[in-house]
Amino acid sequence: MTSIPPFRDPTAPGNSLIPRQDWDRAPWNRWTFQHVRDLLPTTPVLRGAGPVSILPTDLQDVDAISFAAEGQTHTIGSFLETSYADGLLVLHGGKIVAESYLNGMTPHTQHLSQSVAKSVVGTVAGILIGRGVVDPVAPVTHYLPELEATAYRGATVQHVLDMTSGVVFDETYTTLDSHMAQLDVASGWKDPWNPNWPTNVWDLILSLKDLECPHGTSFRYRSIETDVLSFVLQRAAATPLAELVSRELWAPMGAEEDAYFTVDAAGYALGDGGFNATLRDYARFALLHLRGGEIDGKRIVSNDWIAGTRFGADPTLFGGVYQEVLPAGAYHNQFWIEDTARGVYMARGVFGQLIYIDPVADFAAVVLSSWPEFVSTARMRTALAAVRGIREALSS
């Protein structure tokens, strides 16, 4: 396979303008995922004035490491050249052992993480749960009584943490009239083509009136669940989401750079997928999880919540298409669980975003990408095989 050339800046003189409705799709996403705040309204997640958490470096050459995926043998070097990767960072033993920037990305570039944002929000939920500010077994209507008139009536906070609410939400990314298309409009990512659609995320949540199954009986990936969770956190803490992430997570963990969220017309920071940060700060987030909720000796997240995330999922609720990537998988607390025995877990986002966390091996990997497809089973299985290959090489 040939390497993928970097995509030229489409805003440079002589280049065509980015189509508004397709800014997040190929080939535009090769540039836009590193320049989201040039395109959409955003709000900062401040790193604060505290010290930066230092990431020691012991770089090793991982390019020649080989691994098998999809019936072929690859190397990490060829994977990076052919997978639309923008950045790779590997942590082992608390040190950066590999760090690569591609497609014009730099250490200071803030990259869109898509649904990795869900795990950021889930971690903040874990912090507030550990402090007693949020009760996971309470109904969401305890915090958001307005949802009594929706299909979320009777669902608990844990149901939305685990995406097991039973609410009908069509996550299809390429269908023009799906709920996901409505969410693109409500979040301010796309212009409306239907004048009757909700114009902000809260109103979209209020419009969800139908159930497909009883609450708590089956996992279905619904991005809107993270937004319901985000509104619960905002209401319980009386703090907007971006400020909450800054105060409870980003500043305490010693982030090096500010992050940011996209915001909708009502000013809501998009918890389900609008988070942008640097590669090293995503790695600090991974290190916080590797250390059981501590970083630099500072407790930020309850160790019980971390352990519960790793081992507390119910795999019987997880099945169908989701097992094509994670055959022994589960979903819990806004994280994908590789298996509930070893307790490897991950944050994942469409177009190839991945944070892979293996506390047993003291190993984590961050992959930021701009795939041409929203989802690709083959690409994700290959990315997972690549990071596992690095893990096994380092462990041996």
Protein backbone atom coordinates (compact mmCIF):
# COMPACT_ATOMS: atom_id res chain seq x y z
CA MET A 1 0.00 0.00 0.00
CA THR A 2 1.15 3.56 -0.64
CA SER A 3 1.50 6.16 2.05
CA ILE A 4 -1.19 8.80 2.45
CA PRO A 5 -0.02 12.33 1.60
CA PRO A 6 -0.96 15.11 4.00
CA PHE A 7 -4.07 16.99 2.99
CA ARG A 8 -3.43 20.61 1.97
CA ASP A 9 -4.92 23.44 4.00
CA PRO A 10 -8.23 23.99 2.20
CA THR A 11 -8.44 27.59 3.42
CA ALA A 12 -5.18 28.59 1.73
CA PRO A 13 -5.45 30.84 -1.35
CA GLY A 14 -6.15 28.80 -4.45
CA ASN A 15 -7.71 25.89 -2.57
CA SER A 16 -11.45 25.25 -2.52
CA LEU A 17 -13.53 26.18 0.50
CA ILE A 18 -14.74 23.55 2.97
CA PRO A 19 -18.38 22.61 2.34
CA ARG A 20 -20.34 23.38 5.48
CA GLN A 21 -22.33 20.14 5.47
CA ASP A 22 -19.26 17.96 4.91
CA TRP A 23 -16.58 19.61 7.05
CA ASP A 24 -16.16 16.47 9.19
CA ARG A 25 -15.97 14.06 6.23
CA ALA A 26 -13.23 12.97 3.85
CA PRO A 27 -11.19 14.54 2.48
CA TRP A 28 -11.83 17.66 4.52
CA ASN A 29 -11.41 15.95 7.90
CA ARG A 30 -7.69 15.49 7.21
CA TRP A 31 -7.46 19.23 7.96
CA THR A 32 -10.57 20.08 9.93
CA PHE A 33 -10.03 17.66 12.82
CA GLN A 34 -7.02 19.76 13.76
CA HIS A 35 -8.81 23.10 13.25
CA VAL A 36 -12.30 22.68 14.67
CA ARG A 37 -12.35 26.01 16.45
CA ASP A 38 -11.73 27.72 13.09
CA LEU A 39 -15.06 26.30 11.92
CA LEU A 40 -17.45 26.07 14.88
CA PRO A 41 -18.30 27.99 18.08
CA THR A 42 -16.29 26.61 21.00
CA THR A 43 -15.73 27.07 24.73
CA PRO A 44 -12.42 26.51 26.53
CA VAL A 45 -11.58 23.82 29.06
CA LEU A 46 -8.91 25.67 31.00
CA ARG A 47 -5.84 23.89 32.31
CA GLY A 48 -5.61 26.37 35.21
CA ALA A 49 -2.52 27.80 36.84
CA GLY A 50 -1.21 24.64 38.48
CA PRO A 51 1.92 22.71 37.57
CA VAL A 52 2.05 20.56 34.43
CA SER A 53 2.19 16.84 35.09
CA ILE A 54 5.55 15.81 33.65
CA LEU A 55 5.62 12.83 31.30
CA PRO A 56 9.12 11.31 31.36
CA THR A 57 10.39 10.21 27.96
CA ASP A 58 12.28 7.07 27.00
CA LEU A 59 11.72 6.88 23.27
CA GLN A 60 12.10 3.57 21.53
CA ASP A 61 11.88 2.67 17.85
CA VAL A 62 8.55 0.88 17.47
CA ASP A 63 8.20 1.25 13.68
CA ALA A 64 9.62 -2.20 12.94
CA ILE A 65 7.32 -4.03 15.36
CA SER A 66 5.19 -6.44 13.36
CA PHE A 67 1.64 -7.55 14.01
CA ALA A 68 -1.06 -9.50 12.20
CA ALA A 69 -4.47 -8.07 11.35
CA GLU A 70 -7.17 -8.81 8.79
CA GLY A 71 -5.18 -11.68 7.32
CA GLN A 72 -2.05 -9.62 6.68
CA THR A 73 1.22 -8.87 8.46
CA HIS A 74 1.93 -5.21 9.12
CA THR A 75 4.53 -3.10 10.88
CA ILE A 76 3.77 -0.11 13.06
CA GLY A 77 5.56 2.07 10.52
CA SER A 78 3.38 0.86 7.66
CA PHE A 79 0.28 1.15 9.85
CA LEU A 80 1.01 4.82 10.53
CA GLU A 81 1.66 5.51 6.84
CA THR A 82 -1.52 3.88 5.56
CA SER A 83 -4.13 4.29 8.31
CA TYR A 84 -4.92 8.04 8.10
CA ALA A 85 -3.25 8.47 11.50
CA ASP A 86 -2.53 12.00 12.72
CA GLY A 87 -0.82 11.11 15.98
CA LEU A 88 0.35 8.16 18.07
CA LEU A 89 1.63 8.22 21.64
CA VAL A 90 2.51 5.15 23.71
CA LEU A 91 2.99 5.05 27.49
CA HIS A 92 4.78 2.19 29.22
CA GLY A 93 5.91 2.22 32.82
CA GLY A 94 4.73 5.80 33.14
CA LYS A 95 7.01 7.03 30.35
CA ILE A 96 6.44 8.09 26.76
CA VAL A 97 8.12 5.38 24.72
CA ALA A 98 6.76 6.38 21.31
CA GLU A 99 5.39 9.65 19.97
CA SER A 100 4.62 10.37 16.33
CA TYR A 101 2.97 13.33 14.61
CA LEU A 102 1.67 13.04 11.07
CA ASN A 103 -0.44 14.96 8.56
CA GLY A 104 0.77 18.33 9.84
CA MET A 105 -0.12 17.69 13.47
CA THR A 106 2.25 19.08 16.15
CA PRO A 107 2.59 18.63 19.94
CA HIS A 108 0.50 21.79 20.42
CA THR A 109 -2.29 20.85 18.00
CA GLN A 110 -5.70 20.25 19.57
CA HIS A 111 -7.34 17.34 17.75
CA LEU A 112 -11.02 16.46 17.70
CA SER A 113 -11.56 13.22 19.62
CA GLN A 114 -15.19 12.55 18.64
CA SER A 115 -16.66 10.03 21.12
CA VAL A 116 -13.52 9.89 23.25
CA ALA A 117 -15.31 12.89 24.75
CA LYS A 118 -17.82 10.46 26.23
CA SER A 119 -15.12 8.89 28.37
CA VAL A 120 -13.96 12.32 29.51
CA VAL A 121 -17.51 13.10 30.61
CA GLY A 122 -17.82 9.63 32.14
CA THR A 123 -14.68 10.21 34.19
CA VAL A 124 -16.08 13.49 35.53
CA ALA A 125 -19.24 11.57 36.41
CA GLY A 126 -17.04 9.11 38.31
CA ILE A 127 -15.48 11.99 40.24
CA LEU A 128 -18.86 13.43 41.22
CA ILE A 129 -20.23 9.98 42.08
CA GLY A 130 -17.25 9.34 44.32
CA ARG A 131 -17.90 12.62 46.10
CA GLY A 132 -21.62 11.90 46.53
CA VAL A 133 -22.73 14.77 44.31
CA VAL A 134 -24.39 12.35 41.86
CA ASP A 135 -26.13 9.09 42.75
CA PRO A 136 -25.85 6.56 39.91
CA VAL A 137 -28.92 4.60 41.00
CA ALA A 138 -31.13 7.69 41.12
CA PRO A 139 -33.52 8.25 38.21
CA VAL A 140 -32.36 10.85 35.73
CA THR A 141 -35.59 12.69 36.45
CA HIS A 142 -34.34 13.28 40.01
CA TYR A 143 -31.90 15.75 38.46
CA LEU A 144 -33.83 16.56 35.28
CA PRO A 145 -37.56 16.46 36.13
CA GLU A 146 -38.31 17.85 32.67
CA LEU A 147 -37.56 14.38 31.28
CA GLU A 148 -40.68 12.92 32.91
CA ALA A 149 -42.39 13.78 29.62
CA THR A 150 -39.85 11.75 27.61
CA ALA A 151 -38.88 8.10 27.19
CA TYR A 152 -36.20 8.66 29.85
CA ARG A 153 -38.87 8.45 32.51
CA GLY A 154 -37.80 5.56 34.77
CA ALA A 155 -34.19 5.39 33.51
CA THR A 156 -31.41 5.76 36.06
CA VAL A 157 -28.16 7.68 35.82
CA GLN A 158 -26.37 4.32 35.53
CA HIS A 159 -28.53 3.42 32.55
CA VAL A 160 -27.30 6.46 30.64
CA LEU A 161 -23.73 5.85 31.84
CA ASP A 162 -23.97 2.38 30.30
CA MET A 163 -26.21 3.29 27.32
CA THR A 164 -28.84 0.78 28.40
CA SER A 165 -31.78 3.15 28.70
CA GLY A 166 -33.98 1.57 26.04
CA VAL A 167 -34.79 4.93 24.43
CA VAL A 168 -35.17 4.94 20.65
CA PHE A 169 -32.26 6.85 19.11
CA ASP A 170 -31.14 6.10 15.55
CA GLU A 171 -27.32 6.44 15.58
CA THR A 172 -26.99 5.97 11.78
CA TYR A 173 -24.34 8.48 10.67
CA THR A 174 -25.06 8.56 6.96
CA THR A 175 -28.89 8.71 6.94
CA LEU A 176 -30.26 12.18 6.34
CA ASP A 177 -33.27 11.84 8.67
CA SER A 178 -31.74 9.83 11.56
CA HIS A 179 -31.60 11.05 15.13
CA MET A 180 -27.84 11.37 14.61
CA ALA A 181 -28.46 13.76 11.72
CA GLN A 182 -30.74 15.73 14.05
CA LEU A 183 -27.99 15.77 16.66
CA ASP A 184 -25.54 17.18 14.10
CA VAL A 185 -27.96 20.05 13.55
CA ALA A 186 -28.87 20.51 17.21
CA SER A 187 -25.21 20.64 18.22
CA GLY A 188 -24.45 23.31 15.62
CA TRP A 189 -22.21 21.05 13.55
CA LYS A 190 -24.46 21.18 10.48
CA ASP A 191 -27.07 23.50 9.00
CA PRO A 192 -30.70 22.30 9.24
CA TRP A 193 -32.49 21.06 6.17
CA ASN A 194 -35.69 20.32 8.11
CA PRO A 195 -37.12 23.46 9.79
CA ASN A 196 -38.98 21.33 12.35
CA TRP A 197 -35.86 19.81 13.89
CA PRO A 198 -34.64 20.89 17.36
CA THR A 199 -32.10 23.69 17.25
CA ASN A 200 -30.19 22.71 20.40
CA VAL A 201 -29.28 19.48 22.15
CA TRP A 202 -31.60 19.96 25.14
CA ASP A 203 -34.63 20.32 22.88
CA LEU A 204 -33.59 17.20 20.99
CA ILE A 205 -33.50 15.24 24.26
CA LEU A 206 -36.97 16.54 25.13
CA SER A 207 -38.25 15.23 21.78
CA LEU A 208 -37.31 11.58 22.48
CA LYS A 209 -40.63 9.94 23.36
CA ASP A 210 -40.29 6.28 22.29
CA LEU A 211 -38.86 3.14 23.90
CA GLU A 212 -37.44 0.17 21.97
CA CYS A 213 -36.94 -2.04 25.05
CA PRO A 214 -37.24 -1.78 28.85
CA HIS A 215 -34.56 0.25 30.59
CA GLY A 216 -31.52 -1.77 31.62
CA THR A 217 -32.09 -4.79 29.38
CA SER A 218 -29.73 -4.18 26.44
CA PHE A 219 -26.79 -2.05 25.34
CA ARG A 220 -27.38 0.15 22.31
CA TYR A 221 -24.86 2.79 21.33
CA ARG A 222 -26.70 6.13 21.66
CA SER A 223 -24.59 9.29 21.62
CA ILE A 224 -27.43 11.28 23.13
CA GLU A 225 -27.05 9.29 26.38
CA THR A 226 -23.82 11.16 27.09
CA ASP A 227 -25.61 14.44 26.61
CA VAL A 228 -28.32 13.38 29.06
CA LEU A 229 -25.53 12.47 31.48
CA SER A 230 -23.85 15.83 30.88
CA PHE A 231 -27.04 17.70 31.75
CA VAL A 232 -27.35 15.59 34.91
CA LEU A 233 -23.80 16.58 35.91
CA GLN A 234 -24.41 20.24 35.12
CA ARG A 235 -27.60 20.30 37.16
CA ALA A 236 -26.14 18.38 40.11
CA ALA A 237 -22.97 20.50 40.28
CA ALA A 238 -24.63 23.77 39.21
CA THR A 239 -21.75 24.24 36.77
CA PRO A 240 -21.54 24.28 32.95
CA LEU A 241 -19.89 21.18 31.51
CA ALA A 242 -16.70 22.81 30.16
CA GLU A 243 -16.04 24.52 33.47
CA LEU A 244 -16.82 21.28 35.30
CA VAL A 245 -14.34 19.29 33.19
CA SER A 246 -11.72 21.98 33.79
CA ARG A 247 -12.25 22.18 37.55
CA GLU A 248 -12.62 18.49 38.30
CA LEU A 249 -10.35 16.82 35.73
CA TRP A 250 -8.27 18.88 33.32
CA ALA A 251 -6.64 21.25 35.81
CA PRO A 252 -6.15 18.71 38.64
CA MET A 253 -4.53 16.15 36.34
CA GLY A 254 -1.91 18.70 35.26
CA ALA A 255 -2.83 19.16 31.61
CA GLU A 256 -0.22 21.07 29.63
CA GLU A 257 -2.63 22.90 27.33
CA ASP A 258 -6.20 24.14 27.45
CA ALA A 259 -8.72 21.90 25.70
CA TYR A 260 -12.05 22.96 24.23
CA PHE A 261 -15.57 21.79 23.41
CA THR A 262 -17.80 22.79 20.53
CA VAL A 263 -21.03 24.43 21.74
CA ASP A 264 -24.58 24.50 20.45
CA ALA A 265 -26.79 27.54 19.96
CA ALA A 266 -27.76 27.48 23.64
CA GLY A 267 -24.12 27.38 24.78
CA TYR A 268 -24.10 23.69 25.78
CA ALA A 269 -20.67 22.05 25.43
CA LEU A 270 -21.17 18.92 23.32
CA GLY A 271 -20.42 16.12 25.78
CA ASP A 272 -20.97 13.30 23.32
CA GLY A 273 -18.25 14.24 20.83
CA GLY A 274 -17.11 17.87 20.75
CA PHE A 275 -13.90 17.64 22.83
CA ASN A 276 -10.51 18.73 21.44
CA ALA A 277 -7.09 18.40 23.10
CA THR A 278 -3.42 17.72 22.41
CA LEU A 279 -1.95 14.25 22.04
CA ARG A 280 0.09 14.53 25.24
CA ASP A 281 -2.91 15.68 27.26
CA TYR A 282 -4.93 12.72 26.03
CA ALA A 283 -1.96 10.66 27.25
CA ARG A 284 -2.16 12.31 30.67
CA PHE A 285 -5.82 11.34 30.79
CA ALA A 286 -4.78 7.75 29.98
CA LEU A 287 -2.08 7.84 32.67
CA LEU A 288 -4.62 8.97 35.24
CA HIS A 289 -6.59 5.82 34.49
CA LEU A 290 -3.48 3.62 34.45
CA ARG A 291 -2.71 4.87 37.96
CA GLY A 292 -6.17 3.98 39.26
CA GLY A 293 -7.39 7.58 39.44
CA GLU A 294 -4.21 9.19 40.78
CA ILE A 295 -1.60 11.32 39.05
CA ASP A 296 1.52 12.77 40.64
CA GLY A 297 0.35 11.32 43.94
CA LYS A 298 -2.93 13.26 43.80
CA ARG A 299 -6.22 11.37 44.02
CA ILE A 300 -8.65 12.67 41.38
CA VAL A 301 -10.98 9.76 40.63
CA SER A 302 -12.12 7.11 43.10
CA ASN A 303 -10.15 3.88 42.69
CA ASP A 304 -13.40 2.00 43.35
CA TRP A 305 -14.99 3.73 40.37
CA ILE A 306 -12.02 2.89 38.15
CA ALA A 307 -12.09 -0.75 39.26
CA GLY A 308 -15.85 -0.84 38.78
CA THR A 309 -15.44 0.46 35.25
CA ARG A 310 -12.87 -2.20 34.39
CA PHE A 311 -14.59 -5.20 35.97
CA GLY A 312 -18.20 -4.25 36.66
CA ALA A 313 -19.73 -4.42 33.19
CA ASP A 314 -22.36 -6.98 32.21
CA PRO A 315 -21.19 -8.62 28.93
CA THR A 316 -24.60 -10.27 28.46
CA LEU A 317 -26.04 -6.86 27.54
CA PHE A 318 -23.45 -6.46 24.77
CA GLY A 319 -23.79 -8.24 21.45
CA GLY A 320 -24.46 -8.11 17.75
CA VAL A 321 -22.37 -5.77 15.62
CA TYR A 322 -20.40 -4.56 18.63
CA GLN A 323 -18.76 -7.95 19.01
CA GLU A 324 -17.22 -7.70 15.55
CA VAL A 325 -14.53 -5.50 17.12
CA LEU A 326 -14.73 -6.66 20.74
CA PRO A 327 -15.86 -10.32 20.77
CA ALA A 328 -15.57 -10.55 24.57
CA GLY A 329 -16.46 -6.92 25.11
CA ALA A 330 -18.84 -4.83 27.15
CA TYR A 331 -19.67 -1.17 27.74
CA HIS A 332 -19.67 0.52 31.13
CA ASN A 333 -19.42 4.05 32.55
CA GLN A 334 -18.91 5.54 29.06
CA PHE A 335 -15.95 3.25 28.27
CA TRP A 336 -15.58 0.26 25.96
CA ILE A 337 -14.36 -2.81 27.85
CA GLU A 338 -12.14 -5.21 25.90
CA ASP A 339 -12.86 -7.96 28.41
CA THR A 340 -13.99 -8.06 32.02
CA ALA A 341 -11.28 -10.56 33.05
CA ARG A 342 -8.09 -8.59 32.37
CA GLY A 343 -9.91 -5.28 32.67
CA VAL A 344 -8.49 -3.59 29.57
CA TYR A 345 -10.70 -0.67 28.60
CA MET A 346 -10.74 2.10 26.06
CA ALA A 347 -12.22 5.32 24.77
CA ARG A 348 -13.17 5.26 21.09
CA GLY A 349 -14.45 7.75 18.57
CA VAL A 350 -15.60 7.64 14.96
CA PHE A 351 -13.03 8.29 12.24
CA GLY A 352 -10.37 6.41 14.21
CA GLN A 353 -9.90 7.94 17.67
CA LEU A 354 -8.64 5.53 20.34
CA ILE A 355 -7.27 5.57 23.87
CA TYR A 356 -6.31 2.03 24.93
CA ILE A 357 -5.67 1.42 28.65
CA ASP A 358 -4.13 -1.76 30.11
CA PRO A 359 -3.24 -1.31 33.79
CA VAL A 360 -1.96 -4.90 34.03
CA ALA A 361 0.80 -4.12 31.52
CA ASP A 362 1.14 -0.49 32.71
CA PHE A 363 0.53 0.36 29.09
CA ALA A 364 -1.59 2.87 27.22
CA ALA A 365 -1.75 4.07 23.63
CA VAL A 366 -3.44 7.09 22.07
CA VAL A 367 -4.23 7.05 18.35
CA LEU A 368 -5.75 10.13 16.69
CA SER A 369 -6.91 9.73 13.11
CA SER A 370 -8.98 11.16 10.29
CA TRP A 371 -10.31 8.10 8.50
CA PRO A 372 -12.36 8.53 5.34
CA GLU A 373 -15.14 6.45 6.98
CA PHE A 374 -17.17 7.15 10.11
CA VAL A 375 -16.71 3.56 11.24
CA SER A 376 -14.67 0.68 9.86
CA THR A 377 -14.53 -2.69 11.56
CA ALA A 378 -11.38 -3.60 9.66
CA ARG A 379 -9.59 -0.35 10.48
CA MET A 380 -10.48 -0.51 14.19
CA ARG A 381 -9.46 -4.16 14.48
CA THR A 382 -6.19 -3.26 12.79
CA ALA A 383 -5.59 -0.31 15.14
CA LEU A 384 -6.26 -2.52 18.16
CA ALA A 385 -3.92 -5.19 16.80
CA ALA A 386 -1.26 -2.51 16.31
CA VAL A 387 -1.38 -1.25 19.88
CA ARG A 388 -1.49 -4.78 21.23
CA GLY A 389 1.55 -5.57 19.11
CA ILE A 390 3.42 -2.66 20.67
CA ARG A 391 2.30 -3.78 24.13
CA GLU A 392 3.54 -7.31 23.61
CA ALA A 393 6.88 -6.14 22.20
CA LEU A 394 7.45 -3.80 25.15
CA SER A 395 6.36 -6.40 27.68
CA SER A 396 8.74 -9.01 26.30
